[in-house]
Protein backbone atom coordinates (compact mmCIF):
# COMPACT_ATOMS: atom_id res chain seq x y z
CA MET A 1 -38.79 2.04 -31.50
CA LYS A 2 -35.01 1.95 -31.96
CA LYS A 3 -34.59 3.82 -28.66
CA TYR A 4 -36.51 1.15 -26.77
CA VAL A 5 -34.49 -1.66 -28.33
CA PHE A 6 -31.26 0.14 -27.46
CA ILE A 7 -32.39 0.66 -23.85
CA LEU A 8 -33.44 -2.97 -23.53
CA LEU A 9 -30.05 -4.11 -24.82
CA LEU A 10 -28.24 -1.71 -22.48
CA MET A 11 -30.14 -2.71 -19.32
CA PRO A 12 -28.30 -6.03 -18.66
CA PHE A 13 -24.96 -4.24 -18.79
CA LEU A 14 -26.06 -1.59 -16.31
CA PHE A 15 -27.32 -4.10 -13.77
CA SER A 16 -24.48 -6.58 -14.14
CA CYS A 17 -21.87 -4.29 -12.56
CA ASP A 18 -20.24 -5.60 -9.41
CA HIS A 19 -21.58 -3.69 -6.43
CA ASP A 20 -19.05 -5.38 -4.15
CA SER A 21 -15.95 -3.81 -5.75
CA ASP A 22 -14.77 -2.45 -2.37
CA THR A 23 -14.13 -6.00 -1.09
CA ARG A 24 -10.58 -6.07 -2.49
CA ASN A 25 -9.75 -2.82 -0.68
CA THR A 26 -11.20 -3.90 2.67
CA ASN A 27 -8.46 -6.19 3.95
CA PRO A 28 -9.60 -8.53 6.75
CA PHE A 29 -6.02 -9.44 7.70
CA ILE A 30 -4.66 -5.97 8.57
CA PRO A 31 -6.37 -3.86 11.25
CA ASP A 32 -7.15 -0.26 10.35
CA TYR A 33 -5.26 1.64 13.07
CA SER A 34 -5.09 5.42 13.01
CA PHE A 35 -1.59 6.84 13.38
CA SER A 36 0.63 9.74 12.39
CA VAL A 37 4.44 9.62 12.43
CA THR A 38 7.09 12.05 11.24
CA ILE A 39 10.16 10.59 9.53
CA ASN A 40 13.26 12.82 9.74
CA MET A 41 15.13 12.14 6.49
CA ASN A 42 18.32 13.69 7.95
CA LEU A 43 18.72 10.71 10.28
CA PRO A 44 21.14 8.07 8.90
CA ALA A 45 18.49 5.31 8.98
CA TYR A 46 16.24 7.28 6.61
CA SER A 47 18.80 9.11 4.46
CA GLY A 48 18.06 6.67 1.62
CA LEU A 49 14.75 8.48 1.11
CA HIS A 50 16.63 11.40 -0.46
CA SER A 51 17.24 9.36 -3.62
CA ALA A 52 14.54 7.89 -5.84
CA LEU A 53 13.72 4.18 -6.00
CA ASN A 54 15.52 3.37 -2.75
CA PRO A 55 12.93 1.80 -0.42
CA VAL A 56 13.46 2.06 3.33
CA ALA A 57 11.89 0.02 6.14
CA VAL A 58 10.59 2.14 9.02
CA ASN A 59 10.20 0.42 12.38
CA ILE A 60 8.81 3.13 14.65
CA GLU A 61 6.49 2.14 17.49
CA GLY A 62 2.91 2.90 16.49
CA ALA A 63 3.64 3.29 12.77
CA GLY A 64 1.20 0.97 11.08
CA VAL A 65 0.65 -2.60 12.22
CA SER A 66 4.08 -4.10 11.48
CA GLY A 67 5.96 -0.97 10.44
CA LEU A 68 6.19 0.87 7.13
CA ILE A 69 7.98 0.66 3.82
CA LEU A 70 8.64 4.04 2.21
CA MET A 71 9.99 4.79 -1.26
CA LYS A 72 10.67 8.04 -3.09
CA ILE A 73 9.33 8.04 -6.64
CA SER A 74 10.08 11.68 -7.50
CA ASP A 75 10.63 14.96 -5.68
CA THR A 76 6.88 15.32 -5.18
CA ASP A 77 5.85 11.66 -4.86
CA TYR A 78 6.59 9.29 -1.99
CA ARG A 79 4.83 5.97 -1.42
CA ALA A 80 4.19 4.52 2.04
CA TRP A 81 2.98 0.96 2.53
CA GLU A 82 2.13 -1.25 5.48
CA ALA A 83 5.02 -3.65 6.13
CA ASN A 84 2.72 -6.57 6.98
CA CYS A 85 1.98 -9.12 4.25
CA PRO A 86 -1.38 -8.16 2.76
CA ASN A 87 -2.67 -11.73 2.75
CA GLN A 88 -1.47 -12.77 6.22
CA TYR A 89 -2.55 -11.97 9.75
CA PRO A 90 0.25 -10.23 11.71
CA SER A 91 2.66 -12.92 12.90
CA ALA A 92 6.36 -13.69 13.26
CA CYS A 93 6.80 -14.32 9.52
CA SER A 94 4.35 -11.76 8.10
CA ARG A 95 6.76 -8.78 7.91
CA LEU A 96 7.58 -7.94 4.28
CA THR A 97 11.21 -7.85 3.19
CA ILE A 98 12.54 -5.40 0.62
CA GLU A 99 13.97 -6.82 -2.62
CA GLY A 100 14.91 -3.98 -4.96
CA THR A 101 11.70 -2.08 -5.73
CA ASN A 102 9.55 -4.99 -4.57
CA ALA A 103 8.46 -6.35 -1.21
CA LYS A 104 8.35 -10.10 -0.55
CA CYS A 105 6.29 -11.96 2.03
CA PRO A 106 8.39 -14.65 3.74
CA CYS A 107 5.25 -16.61 4.76
CA ASP A 108 3.93 -17.38 1.28
CA GLY A 109 6.65 -16.05 -1.05
CA LEU A 110 4.35 -13.56 -2.81
CA VAL A 111 6.04 -10.47 -4.28
CA TYR A 112 4.45 -6.99 -4.39
CA SER A 113 5.44 -3.90 -6.37
CA LEU A 114 6.40 -0.87 -4.25
CA PHE A 115 5.15 1.34 -7.11
CA THR A 116 1.57 0.03 -7.15
CA GLY A 117 1.23 -2.32 -4.18
CA VAL A 118 -0.08 -5.04 -6.48
CA GLY A 119 1.16 -8.60 -6.13
CA GLY A 120 0.08 -12.18 -6.55
CA GLY A 121 -2.34 -12.42 -3.63
CA ALA A 122 -6.01 -11.64 -3.19
CA TYR A 123 -5.24 -8.28 -1.53
CA THR A 124 -2.90 -5.46 -2.49
CA MET A 125 -0.48 -3.80 -0.08
CA LYS A 126 -2.14 -1.33 2.28
CA PRO A 127 -1.19 2.25 1.31
CA TYR A 128 -0.78 5.16 3.71
CA ARG A 129 -0.87 8.89 3.07
CA VAL A 130 2.36 10.88 2.86
CA GLU A 131 2.80 14.59 3.46
CA ILE A 132 6.13 16.08 2.36
CA LEU A 133 7.61 18.51 4.88
CA SER A 134 10.95 20.35 4.44
CA ASP A 135 13.37 17.57 5.54
CA ALA A 136 10.79 15.14 6.84
CA LEU A 137 7.82 13.07 5.81
CA ARG A 138 4.58 12.75 7.72
CA VAL A 139 2.99 9.35 7.18
CA TYR A 140 -0.53 8.85 8.45
CA ASN A 141 -3.72 6.89 8.12
């Protein structure tokens, strides 16, 4: 009898889970373009990626929607983010600016962490995959 009572008490919790948890990760503002770019860290524009916690904006044609923001966390961990504001459609003011280890959206003033991509808006920053090569990084979606 105790088993049945326990199961009856547990049932509401099992069925009350949010089945729409992927909504926050499916951003309607930023298109999901496939791309692959190689960033040569020996070039002066990207030499800041050799030291940790020094974010760099990457404006290569075809890299993301509005460019990329890359940051080295450790020797084996780099983060790559879409440079478009997560809660804005691509426009003249929707390109994130770097402020220390954060990115700020000039359109709405929201600030996002370059460690986690989390900020004050409904959507987080869009992450991209990073492959570490010898003196380069391959960033792709």
